Amino acid sequence: MSLTILKGTIVSAPEPGKLDITENGCLVAADGIITGVFSTLPEQYAGAPVEDHGNALILQSFADLHLHAPQYPMLGT
């Protein structure tokens, strides 16, 4: 089993229209599937490697979050 633990400011959308922000939180994924977002890392993960990203935002998303400036005037056409 592959385990990934990311630490930072976790932004998640648990349901449509709702955002949760967990500052200094941990996102845990097993085999590429997110298993949880925690304000403190559960004891079962003690000793596991953690990728600490400081205050960086970590988004649970497959969204493409970029926009090309030259394309902006064409938005909606």
PDB file of N, CA and C in Angstrom:
ATOM      1  N   MET A   1       0.840  -1.182   0.000  1.00  0.00           N
ATOM      2  CA  MET A   1       0.000   0.000   0.000  1.00  0.00           C
ATOM      3  C   MET A   1       0.887   1.247   0.000  1.00  0.00           C
ATOM      4  N   SER A   2       0.547   2.172  -0.883  1.00  0.00           N
ATOM      5  CA  SER A   2       1.254   3.444  -0.972  1.00  0.00           C
ATOM      6  C   SER A   2       0.509   4.483  -0.133  1.00  0.00           C
ATOM      7  N   LEU A   3       1.232   5.152   0.765  1.00  0.00           N
ATOM      8  CA  LEU A   3       0.628   6.142   1.654  1.00  0.00           C
ATOM      9  C   LEU A   3       1.236   7.510   1.380  1.00  0.00           C
ATOM     10  N   THR A   4       0.388   8.520   1.188  1.00  0.00           N
ATOM     11  CA  THR A   4       0.827   9.894   0.982  1.00  0.00           C
ATOM     12  C   THR A   4       0.166  10.766   2.036  1.00  0.00           C
ATOM     13  N   ILE A   5       0.985  11.564   2.727  1.00  0.00           N
ATOM     14  CA  ILE A   5       0.459  12.502   3.714  1.00  0.00           C
ATOM     15  C   ILE A   5       0.987  13.883   3.369  1.00  0.00           C
ATOM     16  N   LEU A   6       0.073  14.808   3.110  1.00  0.00           N
ATOM     17  CA  LEU A   6       0.420  16.186   2.776  1.00  0.00           C
ATOM     18  C   LEU A   6      -0.032  17.095   3.905  1.00  0.00           C
ATOM     19  N   LYS A   7       0.860  18.001   4.324  1.00  0.00           N
ATOM     20  CA  LYS A   7       0.514  18.949   5.390  1.00  0.00           C
ATOM     21  C   LYS A   7       0.510  20.355   4.808  1.00  0.00           C
ATOM     22  N   GLY A   8      -0.516  21.124   5.137  1.00  0.00           N
ATOM     23  CA  GLY A   8      -0.646  22.497   4.660  1.00  0.00           C
ATOM     24  C   GLY A   8      -2.035  23.004   4.973  1.00  0.00           C
ATOM     25  N   THR A   9      -2.495  23.989   4.231  1.00  0.00           N
ATOM     26  CA  THR A   9      -3.856  24.487   4.376  1.00  0.00           C
ATOM     27  C   THR A   9      -4.723  23.717   3.385  1.00  0.00           C
ATOM     28  N   ILE A  10      -5.542  22.819   3.916  1.00  0.00           N
ATOM     29  CA  ILE A  10      -6.341  21.918   3.092  1.00  0.00           C
ATOM     30  C   ILE A  10      -7.691  22.574   2.791  1.00  0.00           C
ATOM     31  N   VAL A  11      -8.026  22.678   1.511  1.00  0.00           N
ATOM     32  CA  VAL A  11      -9.321  23.210   1.088  1.00  0.00           C
ATOM     33  C   VAL A  11     -10.102  22.056   0.473  1.00  0.00           C
ATOM     34  N   SER A  12     -11.268  21.782   1.042  1.00  0.00           N
ATOM     35  CA  SER A  12     -12.078  20.679   0.529  1.00  0.00           C
ATOM     36  C   SER A  12     -13.528  21.117   0.378  1.00  0.00           C
ATOM     37  N   ALA A  13     -14.256  20.406  -0.457  1.00  0.00           N
ATOM     38  CA  ALA A  13     -15.674  20.673  -0.696  1.00  0.00           C
ATOM     39  C   ALA A  13     -16.445  19.395  -0.358  1.00  0.00           C
ATOM     40  N   PRO A  14     -16.873  19.243   0.893  1.00  0.00           N
ATOM     41  CA  PRO A  14     -17.538  17.999   1.296  1.00  0.00           C
ATOM     42  C   PRO A  14     -18.913  17.805   0.677  1.00  0.00           C
ATOM     43  N   GLU A  15     -19.525  18.911   0.215  1.00  0.00           N
ATOM     44  CA  GLU A  15     -20.824  18.837  -0.455  1.00  0.00           C
ATOM     45  C   GLU A  15     -20.965  20.067  -1.340  1.00  0.00           C
ATOM     46  N   PRO A  16     -21.838  20.019  -2.332  1.00  0.00           N
ATOM     47  CA  PRO A  16     -21.993  21.165  -3.230  1.00  0.00           C
ATOM     48  C   PRO A  16     -22.322  22.458  -2.460  1.00  0.00           C
ATOM     49  N   GLY A  17     -21.593  23.521  -2.796  1.00  0.00           N
ATOM     50  CA  GLY A  17     -21.831  24.820  -2.178  1.00  0.00           C
ATOM     51  C   GLY A  17     -21.176  25.029  -0.834  1.00  0.00           C
ATOM     52  N   LYS A  18     -20.376  24.081  -0.368  1.00  0.00           N
ATOM     53  CA  LYS A  18     -19.733  24.200   0.935  1.00  0.00           C
ATOM     54  C   LYS A  18     -18.231  23.988   0.807  1.00  0.00           C
ATOM     55  N   LEU A  19     -17.446  24.881   1.415  1.00  0.00           N
ATOM     56  CA  LEU A  19     -15.997  24.729   1.459  1.00  0.00           C
ATOM     57  C   LEU A  19     -15.548  24.598   2.908  1.00  0.00           C
ATOM     58  N   ASP A  20     -14.664  23.682   3.158  1.00  0.00           N
ATOM     59  CA  ASP A  20     -14.019  23.547   4.460  1.00  0.00           C
ATOM     60  C   ASP A  20     -12.551  23.897   4.297  1.00  0.00           C
ATOM     61  N   ILE A  21     -12.013  24.663   5.221  1.00  0.00           N
ATOM     62  CA  ILE A  21     -10.596  25.016   5.203  1.00  0.00           C
ATOM     63  C   ILE A  21      -9.983  24.542   6.511  1.00  0.00           C
ATOM     64  N   THR A  22      -8.959  23.701   6.399  1.00  0.00           N
ATOM     65  CA  THR A  22      -8.262  23.166   7.564  1.00  0.00           C
ATOM     66  C   THR A  22      -6.833  23.689   7.531  1.00  0.00           C
ATOM     67  N   GLU A  23      -6.560  24.734   8.346  1.00  0.00           N
ATOM     68  CA  GLU A  23      -5.213  25.304   8.388  1.00  0.00           C
ATOM     69  C   GLU A  23      -4.286  24.360   9.151  1.00  0.00           C
ATOM     70  N   ASN A  24      -3.061  24.228   8.657  1.00  0.00           N
ATOM     71  CA  ASN A  24      -2.069  23.317   9.243  1.00  0.00           C
ATOM     72  C   ASN A  24      -2.633  21.911   9.397  1.00  0.00           C
ATOM     73  N   GLY A  25      -3.401  21.491   8.394  1.00  0.00           N
ATOM     74  CA  GLY A  25      -4.012  20.172   8.435  1.00  0.00           C
ATOM     75  C   GLY A  25      -3.233  19.154   7.630  1.00  0.00           C
ATOM     76  N   CYS A  26      -3.709  17.936   7.676  1.00  0.00           N
ATOM     77  CA  CYS A  26      -3.077  16.845   6.937  1.00  0.00           C
ATOM     78  C   CYS A  26      -4.106  16.151   6.058  1.00  0.00           C
ATOM     79  N   LEU A  27      -3.731  15.939   4.817  1.00  0.00           N
ATOM     80  CA  LEU A  27      -4.523  15.166   3.876  1.00  0.00           C
ATOM     81  C   LEU A  27      -3.835  13.815   3.743  1.00  0.00           C
ATOM     82  N   VAL A  28      -4.588  12.750   3.939  1.00  0.00           N
ATOM     83  CA  VAL A  28      -4.027  11.397   3.866  1.00  0.00           C
ATOM     84  C   VAL A  28      -4.642  10.675   2.676  1.00  0.00           C
ATOM     85  N   ALA A  29      -3.785  10.074   1.851  1.00  0.00           N
ATOM     86  CA  ALA A  29      -4.241   9.291   0.704  1.00  0.00           C
ATOM     87  C   ALA A  29      -3.546   7.931   0.727  1.00  0.00           C
ATOM     88  N   ALA A  30      -4.328   6.894   0.494  1.00  0.00           N
ATOM     89  CA  ALA A  30      -3.789   5.535   0.403  1.00  0.00           C
ATOM     90  C   ALA A  30      -4.027   5.038  -1.013  1.00  0.00           C
ATOM     91  N   ASP A  31      -2.954   4.639  -1.666  1.00  0.00           N
ATOM     92  CA  ASP A  31      -3.022   4.165  -3.052  1.00  0.00           C
ATOM     93  C   ASP A  31      -3.730   5.170  -3.956  1.00  0.00           C
ATOM     94  N   GLY A  32      -3.480   6.464  -3.736  1.00  0.00           N
ATOM     95  CA  GLY A  32      -4.021   7.516  -4.582  1.00  0.00           C
ATOM     96  C   GLY A  32      -5.449   7.924  -4.276  1.00  0.00           C
ATOM     97  N   ILE A  33      -6.043   7.342  -3.249  1.00  0.00           N
ATOM     98  CA  ILE A  33      -7.420   7.677  -2.872  1.00  0.00           C
ATOM     99  C   ILE A  33      -7.398   8.391  -1.530  1.00  0.00           C
ATOM    100  N   ILE A  34      -8.006   9.591  -1.480  1.00  0.00           N
ATOM    101  CA  ILE A  34      -8.022  10.361  -0.241  1.00  0.00           C
ATOM    102  C   ILE A  34      -8.863   9.625   0.789  1.00  0.00           C
ATOM    103  N   THR A  35      -8.258   9.378   1.954  1.00  0.00           N
ATOM    104  CA  THR A  35      -8.963   8.671   3.024  1.00  0.00           C
ATOM    105  C   THR A  35      -9.403   9.609   4.136  1.00  0.00           C
ATOM    106  N   GLY A  36      -8.857  10.841   4.147  1.00  0.00           N
ATOM    107  CA  GLY A  36      -9.297  11.775   5.172  1.00  0.00           C
ATOM    108  C   GLY A  36      -8.500  13.056   5.203  1.00  0.00           C
ATOM    109  N   VAL A  37      -9.116  14.067   5.816  1.00  0.00           N
ATOM    110  CA  VAL A  37      -8.473  15.352   6.096  1.00  0.00           C
ATOM    111  C   VAL A  37      -8.571  15.539   7.602  1.00  0.00           C
ATOM    112  N   PHE A  38      -7.448  15.841   8.240  1.00  0.00           N
ATOM    113  CA  PHE A  38      -7.398  15.880   9.691  1.00  0.00           C
ATOM    114  C   PHE A  38      -6.714  17.156  10.175  1.00  0.00           C
ATOM    115  N   SER A  39      -7.227  17.727  11.272  1.00  0.00           N
ATOM    116  CA  SER A  39      -6.565  18.895  11.861  1.00  0.00           C
ATOM    117  C   SER A  39      -5.296  18.472  12.590  1.00  0.00           C
ATOM    118  N   THR A  40      -5.291  17.273  13.141  1.00  0.00           N
ATOM    119  CA  THR A  40      -4.075  16.666  13.693  1.00  0.00           C
ATOM    120  C   THR A  40      -3.984  15.248  13.145  1.00  0.00           C
ATOM    121  N   LEU A  41      -2.784  14.828  12.849  1.00  0.00           N
ATOM    122  CA  LEU A  41      -2.578  13.513  12.237  1.00  0.00           C
ATOM    123  C   LEU A  41      -2.927  12.405  13.233  1.00  0.00           C
ATOM    124  N   PRO A  42      -3.807  11.474  12.851  1.00  0.00           N
ATOM    125  CA  PRO A  42      -4.174  10.374  13.749  1.00  0.00           C
ATOM    126  C   PRO A  42      -2.962   9.521  14.133  1.00  0.00           C
ATOM    127  N   GLU A  43      -3.027   8.952  15.311  1.00  0.00           N
ATOM    128  CA  GLU A  43      -1.935   8.145  15.866  1.00  0.00           C
ATOM    129  C   GLU A  43      -1.532   7.001  14.933  1.00  0.00           C
ATOM    130  N   GLN A  44      -2.483   6.446  14.179  1.00  0.00           N
ATOM    131  CA  GLN A  44      -2.164   5.313  13.302  1.00  0.00           C
ATOM    132  C   GLN A  44      -1.147   5.674  12.222  1.00  0.00           C
ATOM    133  N   TYR A  45      -0.947   6.984  11.962  1.00  0.00           N
ATOM    134  CA  TYR A  45       0.014   7.411  10.950  1.00  0.00           C
ATOM    135  C   TYR A  45       1.312   7.934  11.560  1.00  0.00           C
ATOM    136  N   ALA A  46       1.477   7.793  12.847  1.00  0.00           N
ATOM    137  CA  ALA A  46       2.703   8.242  13.519  1.00  0.00           C
ATOM    138  C   ALA A  46       3.905   7.539  12.895  1.00  0.00           C
ATOM    139  N   GLY A  47       4.917   8.307  12.587  1.00  0.00           N
ATOM    140  CA  GLY A  47       6.131   7.752  11.992  1.00  0.00           C
ATOM    141  C   GLY A  47       6.110   7.684  10.479  1.00  0.00           C
ATOM    142  N   ALA A  48       4.951   7.900   9.867  1.00  0.00           N
ATOM    143  CA  ALA A  48       4.862   7.895   8.399  1.00  0.00           C
ATOM    144  C   ALA A  48       5.443   9.207   7.865  1.00  0.00           C
ATOM    145  N   PRO A  49       6.070   9.182   6.684  1.00  0.00           N
ATOM    146  CA  PRO A  49       6.623  10.415   6.122  1.00  0.00           C
ATOM    147  C   PRO A  49       5.515  11.411   5.757  1.00  0.00           C
ATOM    148  N   VAL A  50       5.760  12.681   6.097  1.00  0.00           N
ATOM    149  CA  VAL A  50       4.800  13.755   5.839  1.00  0.00           C
ATOM    150  C   VAL A  50       5.466  14.793   4.942  1.00  0.00           C
ATOM    151  N   GLU A  51       4.802  15.152   3.840  1.00  0.00           N
ATOM    152  CA  GLU A  51       5.287  16.225   2.969  1.00  0.00           C
ATOM    153  C   GLU A  51       4.711  17.532   3.505  1.00  0.00           C
ATOM    154  N   ASP A  52       5.548  18.342   4.167  1.00  0.00           N
ATOM    155  CA  ASP A  52       5.091  19.594   4.787  1.00  0.00           C
ATOM    156  C   ASP A  52       5.217  20.728   3.772  1.00  0.00           C
ATOM    157  N   HIS A  53       4.084  21.302   3.399  1.00  0.00           N
ATOM    158  CA  HIS A  53       4.056  22.386   2.421  1.00  0.00           C
ATOM    159  C   HIS A  53       3.800  23.747   3.081  1.00  0.00           C
ATOM    160  N   GLY A  54       4.054  23.844   4.372  1.00  0.00           N
ATOM    161  CA  GLY A  54       3.904  25.109   5.084  1.00  0.00           C
ATOM    162  C   GLY A  54       2.477  25.628   5.014  1.00  0.00           C
ATOM    163  N   ASN A  55       2.330  26.896   4.592  1.00  0.00           N
ATOM    164  CA  ASN A  55       1.003  27.514   4.483  1.00  0.00           C
ATOM    165  C   ASN A  55       0.387  27.369   3.102  1.00  0.00           C
ATOM    166  N   ALA A  56       1.015  26.598   2.219  1.00  0.00           N
ATOM    167  CA  ALA A  56       0.503  26.454   0.858  1.00  0.00           C
ATOM    168  C   ALA A  56      -0.884  25.817   0.863  1.00  0.00           C
ATOM    169  N   LEU A  57      -1.708  26.225  -0.107  1.00  0.00           N
ATOM    170  CA  LEU A  57      -3.028  25.634  -0.253  1.00  0.00           C
ATOM    171  C   LEU A  57      -2.921  24.272  -0.929  1.00  0.00           C
ATOM    172  N   ILE A  58      -3.637  23.308  -0.389  1.00  0.00           N
ATOM    173  CA  ILE A  58      -3.717  21.982  -0.979  1.00  0.00           C
ATOM    174  C   ILE A  58      -5.193  21.746  -1.285  1.00  0.00           C
ATOM    175  N   LEU A  59      -5.493  21.559  -2.566  1.00  0.00           N
ATOM    176  CA  LEU A  59      -6.877  21.422  -3.009  1.00  0.00           C
ATOM    177  C   LEU A  59      -7.169  19.984  -3.410  1.00  0.00           C
ATOM    178  N   GLN A  60      -8.296  19.461  -2.953  1.00  0.00           N
ATOM    179  CA  GLN A  60      -8.740  18.130  -3.364  1.00  0.00           C
ATOM    180  C   GLN A  60      -9.532  18.302  -4.644  1.00  0.00           C
ATOM    181  N   SER A  61      -8.864  18.218  -5.768  1.00  0.00           N
ATOM    182  CA  SER A  61      -9.559  18.526  -7.007  1.00  0.00           C
ATOM    183  C   SER A  61      -8.831  17.963  -8.213  1.00  0.00           C
ATOM    184  N   PHE A  62      -9.606  17.675  -9.228  1.00  0.00           N
ATOM    185  CA  PHE A  62      -9.050  17.361 -10.535  1.00  0.00           C
ATOM    186  C   PHE A  62      -9.189  18.567 -11.453  1.00  0.00           C
ATOM    187  N   ALA A  63      -9.600  19.706 -10.907  1.00  0.00           N
ATOM    188  CA  ALA A  63      -9.863  20.906 -11.700  1.00  0.00           C
ATOM    189  C   ALA A  63      -8.576  21.503 -12.259  1.00  0.00           C
ATOM    190  N   ASP A  64      -8.678  22.029 -13.448  1.00  0.00           N
ATOM    191  CA  ASP A  64      -7.585  22.745 -14.080  1.00  0.00           C
ATOM    192  C   ASP A  64      -7.724  24.207 -13.647  1.00  0.00           C
ATOM    193  N   LEU A  65      -6.882  24.637 -12.721  1.00  0.00           N
ATOM    194  CA  LEU A  65      -7.058  25.938 -12.073  1.00  0.00           C
ATOM    195  C   LEU A  65      -6.207  27.043 -12.692  1.00  0.00           C
ATOM    196  N   HIS A  66      -6.103  27.061 -14.007  1.00  0.00           N
ATOM    197  CA  HIS A  66      -5.343  28.145 -14.606  1.00  0.00           C
ATOM    198  C   HIS A  66      -6.143  28.797 -15.737  1.00  0.00           C
ATOM    199  N   LEU A  67      -5.748  30.008 -16.065  1.00  0.00           N
ATOM    200  CA  LEU A  67      -6.408  30.766 -17.123  1.00  0.00           C
ATOM    201  C   LEU A  67      -5.324  31.499 -17.899  1.00  0.00           C
ATOM    202  N   HIS A  68      -5.387  31.440 -19.198  1.00  0.00           N
ATOM    203  CA  HIS A  68      -4.433  32.154 -20.026  1.00  0.00           C
ATOM    204  C   HIS A  68      -4.944  33.573 -20.239  1.00  0.00           C
ATOM    205  N   ALA A  69      -4.155  34.564 -19.851  1.00  0.00           N
ATOM    206  CA  ALA A  69      -4.578  35.964 -19.930  1.00  0.00           C
ATOM    207  C   ALA A  69      -5.070  36.360 -21.325  1.00  0.00           C
ATOM    208  N   PRO A  70      -4.414  35.975 -22.418  1.00  0.00           N
ATOM    209  CA  PRO A  70      -4.910  36.379 -23.738  1.00  0.00           C
ATOM    210  C   PRO A  70      -6.290  35.811 -24.063  1.00  0.00           C
ATOM    211  N   GLN A  71      -6.678  34.727 -23.402  1.00  0.00           N
ATOM    212  CA  GLN A  71      -7.976  34.119 -23.664  1.00  0.00           C
ATOM    213  C   GLN A  71      -9.096  34.783 -22.869  1.00  0.00           C
ATOM    214  N   TYR A  72      -8.775  35.571 -21.850  1.00  0.00           N
ATOM    215  CA  TYR A  72      -9.788  36.143 -20.977  1.00  0.00           C
ATOM    216  C   TYR A  72     -10.824  36.987 -21.736  1.00  0.00           C
ATOM    217  N   PRO A  73     -10.413  37.847 -22.706  1.00  0.00           N
ATOM    218  CA  PRO A  73     -11.425  38.618 -23.427  1.00  0.00           C
ATOM    219  C   PRO A  73     -12.407  37.751 -24.217  1.00  0.00           C
ATOM    220  N   MET A  74     -12.034  36.503 -24.509  1.00  0.00           N
ATOM    221  CA  MET A  74     -12.898  35.596 -25.270  1.00  0.00           C
ATOM    222  C   MET A  74     -13.817  34.796 -24.363  1.00  0.00           C
ATOM    223  N   LEU A  75     -13.707  34.989 -23.058  1.00  0.00           N
ATOM    224  CA  LEU A  75     -14.502  34.240 -22.095  1.00  0.00           C
ATOM    225  C   LEU A  75     -15.992  34.372 -22.389  1.00  0.00           C
ATOM    226  N   GLY A  76     -16.676  33.275 -22.527  1.00  0.00           N
ATOM    227  CA  GLY A  76     -18.116  33.265 -22.759  1.00  0.00           C
ATOM    228  C   GLY A  76     -18.554  33.475 -24.181  1.00  0.00           C
ATOM    229  N   THR A  77     -17.598  33.570 -25.114  1.00  0.00           N
ATOM    230  CA  THR A  77     -18.005  33.774 -26.517  1.00  0.00           C
ATOM    231  C   THR A  77     -17.964  32.469 -27.280  1.00  0.00           C
TER     232      THR A  77
END
